[in-house]
Amino acid sequence: MKAMVLNQISSLKENKHPLQWVDMPDPIPGMGEVLIKVSACGVCHTELDEIEGRTPPPHFPIILGHQIVGSVIGLGNHARRFEIGDRVGVAWIHHVCGKCSFCNTGNENLCEAFKATGRDAHGGYAELTTVSEDFAYVIPDALSDSQAAPLLCAGAIGYRSMHLTGMKDGQSLGLTGFGASAHLVLKMVTHKYPHSKVFVFARSEAEREFARNLGAVWAGDTQARPPEKMDCIIDTTPAWKPVVEALYNLKGGGRLVINAIRKEDFDKAYLQNLDYPSHLWQEKEIKSVANVARRDVGEFLQLAAEIPIMPEVQEFKLKEANRALIELRESAIRGAKILKIA
């Protein structure tokens, strides 16, 4: 099979082509696994973190990609959930122990044995991939392959982030950063909480205009002051400045949910602007999002089909994965970036 492979950690400032186009042996499904012919795979900011070593793969070479849609073309022994030809998806969650207290209480995303697709196991920047049938999802008929792919991570993690805010209909939500995940959260919120106002903070006017077109009542720069403070804010950026500014824009008792697997260090000094009375007092809260559980993915896929949520996508060929990653890093974003493979 053909694949785009990461062979080592590198800086994307210095290396614009971190992935190599290679031939690899076709994977063989193991016990309880399915073999998938990949048709589409989303491009995620987490791949930048993997490439640059903030959440490094444990071994090389590795095939990145954890927003995978394709068709089942092979079954391992005792794999019975799916049939040949079924359309399925694979998300970030690739394996958990199934025995610990987290797994037994519905919080498998916190399992210490958590393994991630495209980091700890080969992912979807390839023509074929395998996964345990327990970690594959039926893709609703209402969604095309390219529409479904970003829902498996950007959508599912946005869904979990929205729940972690604890928001109720009528409460206001801020979104700082407006890429793949945030634009899906905006679509969710306008459906689930029709009386809630959504405010968007984004660096570029193009992103701000995109947010207004999707229903945001206000959109401004990261440091802009909105007309009112918010009950909750979701941060989807890799930076620290939006965290500090979001805390200022929270109401008393408000909650900031940080939806990022890692933060970068380039603006870490901005944390020195934290002022306790302005940013943290009045029982403001900060909560992080860690991975996703299978329940998040399954529930969100059904919700997306019902609403329906149709993400804005930009398509690239598999061989163009490096270009898609660089554009993502440089914030050339409108919606989600997708590799079309078959």
Protein backbone atom coordinates (compact mmCIF):
# COMPACT_ATOMS: atom_id res chain seq x y z
CA MET A 1 0.00 0.00 0.00
CA LYS A 2 0.98 3.67 -0.38
CA ALA A 3 1.37 5.78 2.75
CA MET A 4 2.72 9.10 3.99
CA VAL A 5 5.10 8.19 6.81
CA LEU A 6 6.78 10.12 9.62
CA ASN A 7 10.32 8.87 10.26
CA GLN A 8 11.55 11.34 12.88
CA ILE A 9 10.69 14.39 14.97
CA SER A 10 11.41 17.66 13.19
CA SER A 11 10.58 21.36 13.25
CA LEU A 12 8.02 22.42 10.68
CA LYS A 13 9.74 25.80 10.50
CA GLU A 14 12.81 24.07 9.10
CA ASN A 15 11.27 21.03 7.41
CA LYS A 16 8.25 21.62 5.20
CA HIS A 17 8.15 17.97 4.10
CA PRO A 18 8.22 15.88 7.30
CA LEU A 19 6.25 12.99 5.77
CA GLN A 20 7.64 10.64 3.14
CA TRP A 21 5.66 8.95 0.36
CA VAL A 22 6.45 5.22 0.64
CA ASP A 23 5.32 1.72 -0.26
CA MET A 24 4.52 -0.47 2.76
CA PRO A 25 3.27 -4.03 3.13
CA ASP A 26 -0.50 -4.30 3.33
CA PRO A 27 -1.58 -4.66 6.98
CA ILE A 28 -3.19 -7.94 8.05
CA PRO A 29 -6.10 -7.75 10.53
CA GLY A 30 -5.41 -9.52 13.81
CA MET A 31 -7.80 -11.17 16.24
CA GLY A 32 -11.02 -9.16 16.41
CA GLU A 33 -9.76 -6.54 13.95
CA VAL A 34 -11.10 -5.18 10.68
CA LEU A 35 -9.08 -4.21 7.61
CA ILE A 36 -10.22 -0.87 6.20
CA LYS A 37 -9.70 0.61 2.74
CA VAL A 38 -9.30 4.28 3.63
CA SER A 39 -11.26 6.78 1.55
CA ALA A 40 -10.76 9.95 3.60
CA CYS A 41 -8.70 11.08 6.59
CA GLY A 42 -8.90 14.40 8.38
CA VAL A 43 -5.82 16.53 9.09
CA CYS A 44 -5.63 17.62 12.74
CA HIS A 45 -3.49 20.04 14.75
CA THR A 46 -2.47 17.05 16.90
CA GLU A 47 -0.45 15.82 13.92
CA LEU A 48 1.64 19.00 14.21
CA ASP A 49 2.24 18.13 17.88
CA GLU A 50 3.32 14.61 16.90
CA ILE A 51 5.67 15.83 14.17
CA GLU A 52 7.31 18.44 16.38
CA GLY A 53 7.56 16.19 19.43
CA ARG A 54 5.07 17.71 21.86
CA THR A 55 3.18 14.40 21.91
CA PRO A 56 5.73 12.15 20.20
CA PRO A 57 5.04 8.72 18.74
CA PRO A 58 6.75 5.95 20.73
CA HIS A 59 8.29 4.44 17.60
CA PHE A 60 9.13 5.20 13.96
CA PRO A 61 8.18 4.98 11.22
CA ILE A 62 4.57 5.85 12.03
CA ILE A 63 1.56 6.64 9.85
CA LEU A 64 -0.31 9.64 11.23
CA GLY A 65 -4.04 10.34 10.99
CA HIS A 66 -6.91 9.67 13.38
CA GLN A 67 -10.02 10.89 11.54
CA ILE A 68 -10.46 7.91 9.24
CA VAL A 69 -13.38 6.89 7.03
CA GLY A 70 -13.36 3.87 4.76
CA SER A 71 -14.86 0.50 3.89
CA VAL A 72 -14.28 -2.85 5.56
CA ILE A 73 -12.46 -5.16 3.13
CA GLY A 74 -11.15 -7.81 5.53
CA LEU A 75 -11.96 -9.45 8.88
CA GLY A 76 -9.64 -10.96 11.46
CA ASN A 77 -10.56 -14.07 13.42
CA HIS A 78 -13.62 -13.57 15.64
CA ALA A 79 -14.41 -10.16 14.13
CA ARG A 80 -18.21 -10.16 13.83
CA ARG A 81 -19.51 -6.59 14.34
CA PHE A 82 -19.10 -5.58 10.70
CA GLU A 83 -19.47 -7.12 7.29
CA ILE A 84 -17.39 -6.70 4.16
CA GLY A 85 -18.40 -3.45 2.49
CA ASP A 86 -19.60 -1.68 5.65
CA ARG A 87 -18.60 1.98 5.86
CA VAL A 88 -16.82 2.71 9.14
CA GLY A 89 -14.83 5.37 10.94
CA VAL A 90 -11.82 5.31 13.25
CA ALA A 91 -11.09 8.04 15.81
CA TRP A 92 -8.23 9.06 18.14
CA ILE A 93 -9.11 6.39 20.73
CA HIS A 94 -7.47 3.17 19.51
CA HIS A 95 -7.14 1.05 22.66
CA VAL A 96 -7.84 1.12 26.41
CA CYS A 97 -7.37 -1.54 29.07
CA GLY A 98 -11.09 -2.00 29.77
CA LYS A 99 -10.40 -2.93 33.40
CA CYS A 100 -9.32 0.17 35.34
CA SER A 101 -11.54 2.48 37.38
CA PHE A 102 -11.65 4.99 34.55
CA CYS A 103 -12.78 2.39 32.00
CA ASN A 104 -15.37 1.01 34.44
CA THR A 105 -16.92 4.42 35.09
CA GLY A 106 -17.28 5.67 31.52
CA ASN A 107 -14.06 7.70 31.57
CA GLU A 108 -11.93 5.46 29.35
CA ASN A 109 -10.38 8.56 27.80
CA LEU A 110 -8.35 8.87 31.04
CA CYS A 111 -7.15 5.23 31.04
CA GLU A 112 -3.40 5.05 31.67
CA ALA A 113 -3.16 2.38 28.96
CA PHE A 114 -4.81 4.69 26.40
CA LYS A 115 -3.39 4.22 22.90
CA ALA A 116 -3.98 6.74 20.14
CA THR A 117 -4.59 6.13 16.45
CA GLY A 118 -1.85 7.68 14.33
CA ARG A 119 0.54 8.06 17.28
CA ASP A 120 0.77 4.73 19.13
CA ALA A 121 -0.61 2.72 16.19
CA HIS A 122 -0.63 3.35 12.45
CA GLY A 123 -3.34 5.73 11.30
CA GLY A 124 -5.10 6.88 8.16
CA TYR A 125 -2.53 8.71 6.03
CA ALA A 126 -2.46 5.52 3.98
CA GLU A 127 -4.51 3.41 1.61
CA LEU A 128 -5.21 0.74 4.25
CA THR A 129 -5.40 0.47 8.03
CA THR A 130 -6.54 -1.95 10.73
CA VAL A 131 -8.29 -1.44 14.05
CA SER A 132 -10.12 -3.52 16.64
CA GLU A 133 -13.78 -3.76 15.69
CA ASP A 134 -14.58 -2.39 19.18
CA PHE A 135 -12.97 0.92 18.18
CA ALA A 136 -14.69 1.35 14.80
CA TYR A 137 -17.93 3.25 14.25
CA VAL A 138 -20.79 3.01 11.78
CA ILE A 139 -20.86 6.12 9.60
CA PRO A 140 -24.41 7.46 9.12
CA ASP A 141 -25.67 7.41 5.53
CA ALA A 142 -26.45 11.14 5.66
CA LEU A 143 -22.72 11.98 5.76
CA SER A 144 -20.25 11.72 2.89
CA ASP A 145 -16.79 10.34 3.60
CA SER A 146 -15.21 13.81 3.59
CA GLN A 147 -17.97 15.24 5.77
CA ALA A 148 -17.73 12.39 8.27
CA ALA A 149 -13.93 12.41 8.69
CA PRO A 150 -13.56 15.65 10.73
CA LEU A 151 -16.50 14.65 12.91
CA LEU A 152 -14.42 11.77 14.32
CA CYS A 153 -12.03 14.12 16.11
CA ALA A 154 -12.78 17.82 15.64
CA GLY A 155 -16.46 17.08 16.09
CA ALA A 156 -16.23 14.50 18.86
CA ILE A 157 -13.73 16.50 20.92
CA GLY A 158 -15.85 19.60 20.37
CA TYR A 159 -18.88 17.66 21.58
CA ARG A 160 -17.01 16.60 24.72
CA SER A 161 -15.75 20.17 25.25
CA MET A 162 -19.28 21.54 24.98
CA HIS A 163 -20.51 19.10 27.63
CA LEU A 164 -17.60 19.93 29.93
CA THR A 165 -18.59 23.61 29.91
CA GLY A 166 -21.79 22.62 31.72
CA MET A 167 -23.67 25.25 29.70
CA LYS A 168 -27.45 25.47 29.59
CA ASP A 169 -29.76 27.00 27.03
CA GLY A 170 -29.66 30.77 27.36
CA GLN A 171 -26.11 30.91 28.70
CA SER A 172 -23.43 32.54 26.57
CA LEU A 173 -20.46 30.69 25.06
CA GLY A 174 -17.16 32.01 23.77
CA LEU A 175 -14.98 30.21 21.23
CA THR A 176 -11.35 31.27 21.04
CA GLY A 177 -9.77 29.97 17.87
CA PHE A 178 -12.06 29.13 14.96
CA GLY A 179 -10.79 26.10 13.08
CA ALA A 180 -12.21 22.64 12.46
CA SER A 181 -13.46 21.92 15.99
CA ALA A 182 -14.80 25.37 16.88
CA HIS A 183 -16.89 25.77 13.75
CA LEU A 184 -18.57 22.43 14.51
CA VAL A 185 -19.22 23.48 18.12
CA LEU A 186 -20.92 26.62 16.84
CA LYS A 187 -23.21 24.51 14.67
CA MET A 188 -23.98 22.21 17.62
CA VAL A 189 -24.73 25.03 20.01
CA THR A 190 -27.11 26.83 17.67
CA HIS A 191 -29.08 23.57 17.43
CA LYS A 192 -28.98 22.37 21.04
CA TYR A 193 -29.10 25.77 22.76
CA PRO A 194 -31.10 28.09 20.47
CA HIS A 195 -31.34 30.85 23.09
CA SER A 196 -27.59 31.00 23.73
CA LYS A 197 -25.31 33.65 22.26
CA VAL A 198 -21.97 32.59 20.78
CA PHE A 199 -18.98 34.96 20.68
CA VAL A 200 -15.89 34.10 18.60
CA PHE A 201 -12.29 35.25 19.04
CA ALA A 202 -10.07 34.65 16.01
CA ARG A 203 -6.93 36.24 14.59
CA SER A 204 -8.00 36.66 10.97
CA GLU A 205 -10.93 38.64 9.61
CA ALA A 206 -11.71 35.75 7.26
CA GLU A 207 -12.25 33.45 10.24
CA ARG A 208 -14.32 36.08 12.01
CA GLU A 209 -16.54 36.58 8.97
CA PHE A 210 -16.92 32.81 8.66
CA ALA A 211 -18.08 32.69 12.30
CA ARG A 212 -20.63 35.48 11.77
CA ASN A 213 -22.00 33.67 8.73
CA LEU A 214 -22.48 30.54 10.86
CA GLY A 215 -24.43 32.43 13.52
CA ALA A 216 -21.97 34.03 15.95
CA VAL A 217 -23.50 37.21 17.43
CA TRP A 218 -20.06 38.82 17.65
CA ALA A 219 -16.55 38.06 16.39
CA GLY A 220 -13.32 39.88 17.20
CA ASP A 221 -9.58 39.50 17.65
CA THR A 222 -8.11 37.50 20.54
CA GLN A 223 -7.55 40.66 22.60
CA ALA A 224 -10.78 42.39 21.62
CA ARG A 225 -13.34 43.12 24.32
CA PRO A 226 -16.81 41.74 23.50
CA PRO A 227 -19.97 43.63 24.51
CA GLU A 228 -20.52 41.31 27.47
CA LYS A 229 -18.71 38.62 29.45
CA MET A 230 -19.51 34.93 28.95
CA ASP A 231 -20.69 32.02 31.08
CA CYS A 232 -18.19 29.66 29.47
CA ILE A 233 -15.45 29.67 26.85
CA ILE A 234 -13.81 26.88 24.85
CA ASP A 235 -10.19 27.43 23.78
CA THR A 236 -9.05 25.40 20.76
CA THR A 237 -5.72 27.13 20.13
CA PRO A 238 -2.12 25.92 20.65
CA ALA A 239 -1.20 29.23 22.33
CA TRP A 240 -1.25 30.70 25.86
CA LYS A 241 -2.41 34.23 25.07
CA PRO A 242 -5.99 33.11 24.31
CA VAL A 243 -6.13 31.39 27.72
CA VAL A 244 -5.28 34.60 29.57
CA GLU A 245 -7.67 36.71 27.50
CA ALA A 246 -10.46 34.14 27.83
CA LEU A 247 -10.20 34.20 31.62
CA TYR A 248 -10.66 37.97 31.57
CA ASN A 249 -13.80 37.57 29.42
CA LEU A 250 -15.46 35.05 31.76
CA LYS A 251 -18.27 36.00 34.11
CA GLY A 252 -17.87 35.17 37.78
CA GLY A 253 -18.36 31.43 38.25
CA GLY A 254 -17.60 30.88 34.57
CA ARG A 255 -15.61 27.98 33.17
CA LEU A 256 -12.81 27.91 30.60
CA VAL A 257 -12.44 24.56 28.83
CA ILE A 258 -9.08 24.09 27.10
CA ASN A 259 -9.44 21.78 24.12
CA ALA A 260 -5.79 21.12 23.22
CA ILE A 261 -3.64 18.04 23.67
CA ARG A 262 -0.58 20.28 24.13
CA LYS A 263 0.25 23.99 24.25
CA GLU A 264 3.26 25.41 22.40
CA ASP A 265 5.96 27.46 24.14
CA PHE A 266 6.34 30.39 21.73
CA ASP A 267 4.11 32.74 23.80
CA LYS A 268 4.30 31.10 27.21
CA ALA A 269 5.63 34.34 28.69
CA TYR A 270 2.17 35.83 28.16
CA LEU A 271 1.09 33.94 31.28
CA GLN A 272 2.93 36.59 33.26
CA ASN A 273 0.02 38.91 32.41
CA LEU A 274 -2.27 36.88 34.67
CA ASP A 275 -3.83 39.15 37.26
CA TYR A 276 -5.62 37.30 40.05
CA PRO A 277 -8.52 39.75 40.54
CA SER A 278 -9.18 40.13 36.79
CA HIS A 279 -8.55 36.61 35.54
CA LEU A 280 -9.09 34.09 38.35
CA TRP A 281 -11.11 35.55 41.21
CA GLN A 282 -14.88 35.10 41.59
CA GLU A 283 -14.69 31.32 41.38
CA LYS A 284 -13.69 31.10 37.75
CA GLU A 285 -12.70 27.58 36.66
CA ILE A 286 -10.28 26.04 34.18
CA LYS A 287 -10.81 22.51 32.87
CA SER A 288 -8.86 20.59 30.24
CA VAL A 289 -10.15 18.08 27.72
CA ALA A 290 -8.24 14.79 27.57
CA ASN A 291 -8.81 12.59 24.53
CA VAL A 292 -12.30 11.25 23.73
CA ALA A 293 -14.28 8.24 24.86
CA ARG A 294 -16.02 5.95 22.38
CA ARG A 295 -19.34 7.22 23.69
CA ASP A 296 -18.43 10.77 22.60
CA VAL A 297 -17.71 9.63 19.05
CA GLY A 298 -20.81 7.47 18.69
CA GLU A 299 -23.19 10.01 20.18
CA PHE A 300 -21.79 12.87 18.16
CA LEU A 301 -21.99 10.99 14.85
CA GLN A 302 -25.69 10.37 15.47
CA LEU A 303 -26.29 13.98 16.49
CA ALA A 304 -24.44 15.25 13.42
CA ALA A 305 -26.62 13.11 11.15
CA GLU A 306 -29.82 14.27 12.88
CA ILE A 307 -29.16 18.04 12.85
CA PRO A 308 -27.48 17.61 10.27
CA ILE A 309 -23.98 19.03 10.77
CA MET A 310 -22.13 19.31 7.48
CA PRO A 311 -18.59 20.58 8.12
CA GLU A 312 -16.84 22.92 5.73
CA VAL A 313 -13.96 20.93 4.20
CA GLN A 314 -10.94 21.46 1.97
CA GLU A 315 -9.76 18.34 0.16
CA PHE A 316 -6.17 17.33 -0.63
CA LYS A 317 -4.68 14.24 -2.25
CA LEU A 318 -2.80 11.85 0.03
CA LYS A 319 0.51 12.92 -1.54
CA GLU A 320 -0.35 16.52 -0.60
CA ALA A 321 -0.41 15.77 3.14
CA ASN A 322 2.66 17.91 3.81
CA ARG A 323 1.04 20.93 2.14
CA ALA A 324 -2.14 20.44 4.15
CA LEU A 325 -0.14 20.28 7.39
CA ILE A 326 1.83 23.44 6.60
CA GLU A 327 -1.34 25.32 5.70
CA LEU A 328 -2.87 24.17 8.99
CA ARG A 329 0.19 25.35 10.90
CA GLU A 330 0.07 28.72 9.17
CA SER A 331 -3.63 29.09 10.01
CA ALA A 332 -4.77 28.92 6.39
CA ILE A 333 -7.97 27.42 7.73
CA ARG A 334 -11.58 27.47 6.72
CA GLY A 335 -13.32 24.49 8.24
CA ALA A 336 -11.43 21.20 8.11
CA LYS A 337 -8.69 19.78 5.88
CA ILE A 338 -9.25 16.30 4.44
CA LEU A 339 -6.99 13.87 2.60
CA LYS A 340 -8.98 12.09 -0.13
CA ILE A 341 -7.40 8.69 -0.58
CA ALA A 342 -9.77 6.47 -2.56
